[in-house]
Amino acid sequence: MSSSEAQTNIEAEEYALLHELEDNRAALNCIRAGWYYFERRGDSQSAGRWFFRAVMSEPNVLHHRIELARFLSRDDRLVRAIEWWQGALRLALTLRASADELALIYLELAKLYRRTNRLERFHRYLHLSLKACPGYRPAQRLLDMA
């Protein structure tokens, strides 16, 4: 596939996505748009706006906060990512989220604290992940590597 064909394909995808968003501005479509702009277009600013729009449209939905925090982590905005993961954790505890969701949030916080060289918090959140969901494989693997 030539570069012009690839560009035409991306433009067609973007057109279809924006057309769908015109018809239905549901938060999940905003998240889809966020990942599209981040992964396919490499446009972090547009992606961030779509993720933020999803969270603001449904502020008490844990999934939306997790997706925004995941985006910030992947975009290397570590301080902001930690803030959003902490916010997701507070919401998860308020909503009495499942053990798997809590384990995921604790694990992601542990990874971020390791990346920011805060090893005491890294170990704390890694152990909280395993406490929330004993035998949680991703956390166990990370513990084995540490």
Protein backbone atom coordinates (compact mmCIF):
# COMPACT_ATOMS: atom_id res chain seq x y z
CA MET A 1 0.00 0.00 0.00
CA SER A 2 1.43 3.37 -0.99
CA SER A 3 1.63 6.27 1.41
CA SER A 4 -1.15 8.14 -0.42
CA GLU A 5 -3.43 5.10 -0.14
CA ALA A 6 -2.61 4.79 3.58
CA GLN A 7 -3.37 8.51 4.08
CA THR A 8 -6.68 8.12 2.22
CA ASN A 9 -7.54 5.15 4.42
CA ILE A 10 -6.79 7.12 7.61
CA GLU A 11 -8.87 10.05 6.35
CA ALA A 12 -11.77 7.70 5.59
CA GLU A 13 -11.50 6.22 9.11
CA GLU A 14 -11.47 9.69 10.63
CA TYR A 15 -14.47 10.76 8.55
CA ALA A 16 -16.45 7.66 9.63
CA LEU A 17 -15.52 8.21 13.27
CA LEU A 18 -16.48 11.89 13.26
CA HIS A 19 -19.71 11.12 11.41
CA GLU A 20 -20.59 8.53 14.06
CA LEU A 21 -19.80 11.05 16.82
CA GLU A 22 -22.12 13.56 15.17
CA ASP A 23 -24.95 11.05 15.46
CA ASN A 24 -24.06 9.76 18.90
CA ARG A 25 -21.82 11.64 21.34
CA ALA A 26 -21.82 8.81 23.83
CA ALA A 27 -18.84 8.73 26.14
CA LEU A 28 -17.66 5.39 24.74
CA ASN A 29 -17.49 6.93 21.27
CA CYS A 30 -15.44 9.79 22.72
CA ILE A 31 -13.03 7.25 24.19
CA ARG A 32 -12.84 5.50 20.83
CA ALA A 33 -12.03 8.85 19.22
CA GLY A 34 -9.37 9.50 21.85
CA TRP A 35 -7.59 6.24 21.11
CA TYR A 36 -7.93 6.84 17.38
CA TYR A 37 -6.28 10.26 17.57
CA PHE A 38 -3.57 9.01 19.90
CA GLU A 39 -2.68 5.76 18.17
CA ARG A 40 -3.46 6.41 14.51
CA ARG A 41 -2.86 10.15 14.17
CA GLY A 42 -0.27 10.70 16.91
CA ASP A 43 -2.24 13.76 18.07
CA SER A 44 -2.04 13.78 21.88
CA GLN A 45 -3.84 17.10 22.29
CA SER A 46 -6.93 16.01 20.35
CA ALA A 47 -6.86 12.62 22.03
CA GLY A 48 -6.72 14.21 25.48
CA ARG A 49 -9.69 16.42 24.69
CA TRP A 50 -11.78 13.40 23.65
CA PHE A 51 -10.87 11.44 26.79
CA PHE A 52 -11.60 14.43 29.00
CA ARG A 53 -14.93 14.95 27.23
CA ALA A 54 -15.89 11.34 28.00
CA VAL A 55 -15.07 11.75 31.69
CA MET A 56 -16.92 15.06 31.96
CA SER A 57 -20.02 13.67 30.23
CA GLU A 58 -20.27 10.77 32.70
CA PRO A 59 -18.12 11.67 35.74
CA ASN A 60 -19.17 8.70 37.89
CA VAL A 61 -18.22 6.00 35.38
CA LEU A 62 -15.01 4.30 36.48
CA HIS A 63 -14.14 2.98 33.02
CA HIS A 64 -13.85 6.49 31.56
CA ARG A 65 -11.44 7.61 34.29
CA ILE A 66 -9.36 4.49 33.78
CA GLU A 67 -9.13 5.13 30.04
CA LEU A 68 -8.06 8.75 30.59
CA ALA A 69 -5.46 7.66 33.14
CA ARG A 70 -4.22 4.93 30.79
CA PHE A 71 -3.88 7.49 27.98
CA LEU A 72 -1.92 9.87 30.21
CA SER A 73 0.38 7.01 31.26
CA ARG A 74 1.07 6.04 27.66
CA ASP A 75 1.63 9.68 26.72
CA ASP A 76 4.31 9.94 29.46
CA ARG A 77 2.45 12.59 31.43
CA LEU A 78 3.33 10.76 34.60
CA VAL A 79 2.29 13.32 37.23
CA ARG A 80 -1.11 13.84 35.59
CA ALA A 81 -1.48 10.09 35.12
CA ILE A 82 -0.87 9.49 38.83
CA GLU A 83 -3.48 12.13 39.68
CA TRP A 84 -6.09 10.48 37.43
CA TRP A 85 -5.27 6.96 38.65
CA GLN A 86 -5.63 8.21 42.24
CA GLY A 87 -8.99 9.75 41.28
CA ALA A 88 -10.03 6.46 39.70
CA LEU A 89 -9.01 4.68 42.90
CA ARG A 90 -11.13 7.01 45.04
CA LEU A 91 -14.11 6.47 42.73
CA ALA A 92 -13.56 2.71 42.69
CA LEU A 93 -13.52 2.58 46.48
CA THR A 94 -16.66 4.73 46.64
CA LEU A 95 -18.47 2.55 44.08
CA ARG A 96 -17.20 -0.65 45.72
CA ALA A 97 -15.59 -1.79 42.48
CA SER A 98 -14.64 -5.40 41.86
CA ALA A 99 -11.40 -6.84 43.18
CA ASP A 100 -10.05 -7.08 39.62
CA GLU A 101 -10.66 -3.38 39.00
CA LEU A 102 -8.98 -2.40 42.26
CA ALA A 103 -6.04 -4.69 41.54
CA LEU A 104 -5.63 -3.10 38.10
CA ILE A 105 -5.67 0.44 39.50
CA TYR A 106 -3.19 -0.42 42.27
CA LEU A 107 -0.92 -2.12 39.72
CA GLU A 108 -0.98 0.85 37.34
CA LEU A 109 -0.13 3.17 40.23
CA ALA A 110 2.74 0.87 41.19
CA LYS A 111 4.11 0.98 37.64
CA LEU A 112 3.93 4.77 37.58
CA TYR A 113 5.66 5.09 40.93
CA ARG A 114 8.42 2.82 39.68
CA ARG A 115 8.81 5.03 36.58
CA THR A 116 9.03 8.12 38.79
CA ASN A 117 11.61 6.36 41.02
CA ARG A 118 9.42 6.31 44.13
CA LEU A 119 10.20 2.75 45.07
CA GLU A 120 8.54 2.75 48.52
CA ARG A 121 5.21 3.62 46.87
CA PHE A 122 5.90 1.16 44.06
CA HIS A 123 6.18 -1.69 46.57
CA ARG A 124 3.20 -0.46 48.61
CA TYR A 125 0.82 -0.33 45.62
CA LEU A 126 2.14 -3.58 44.18
CA HIS A 127 1.32 -5.33 47.45
CA LEU A 128 -2.08 -3.59 47.59
CA SER A 129 -2.78 -4.99 44.13
CA LEU A 130 -2.04 -8.51 45.33
CA LYS A 131 -4.03 -7.94 48.52
CA ALA A 132 -7.07 -6.75 46.52
CA CYS A 133 -6.89 -9.76 44.22
CA PRO A 134 -4.63 -12.55 45.50
CA GLY A 135 -2.78 -14.28 42.71
CA TYR A 136 -3.29 -11.40 40.25
CA ARG A 137 -0.84 -12.51 37.56
CA PRO A 138 0.35 -9.12 36.24
CA ALA A 139 1.14 -7.96 39.78
CA GLN A 140 2.76 -11.27 40.65
CA ARG A 141 4.98 -11.09 37.55
CA LEU A 142 6.04 -7.56 38.43
CA LEU A 143 6.78 -8.62 42.02
CA ASP A 144 8.88 -11.53 40.77
CA MET A 145 10.88 -9.14 38.58
CA ALA A 146 11.43 -6.60 41.40
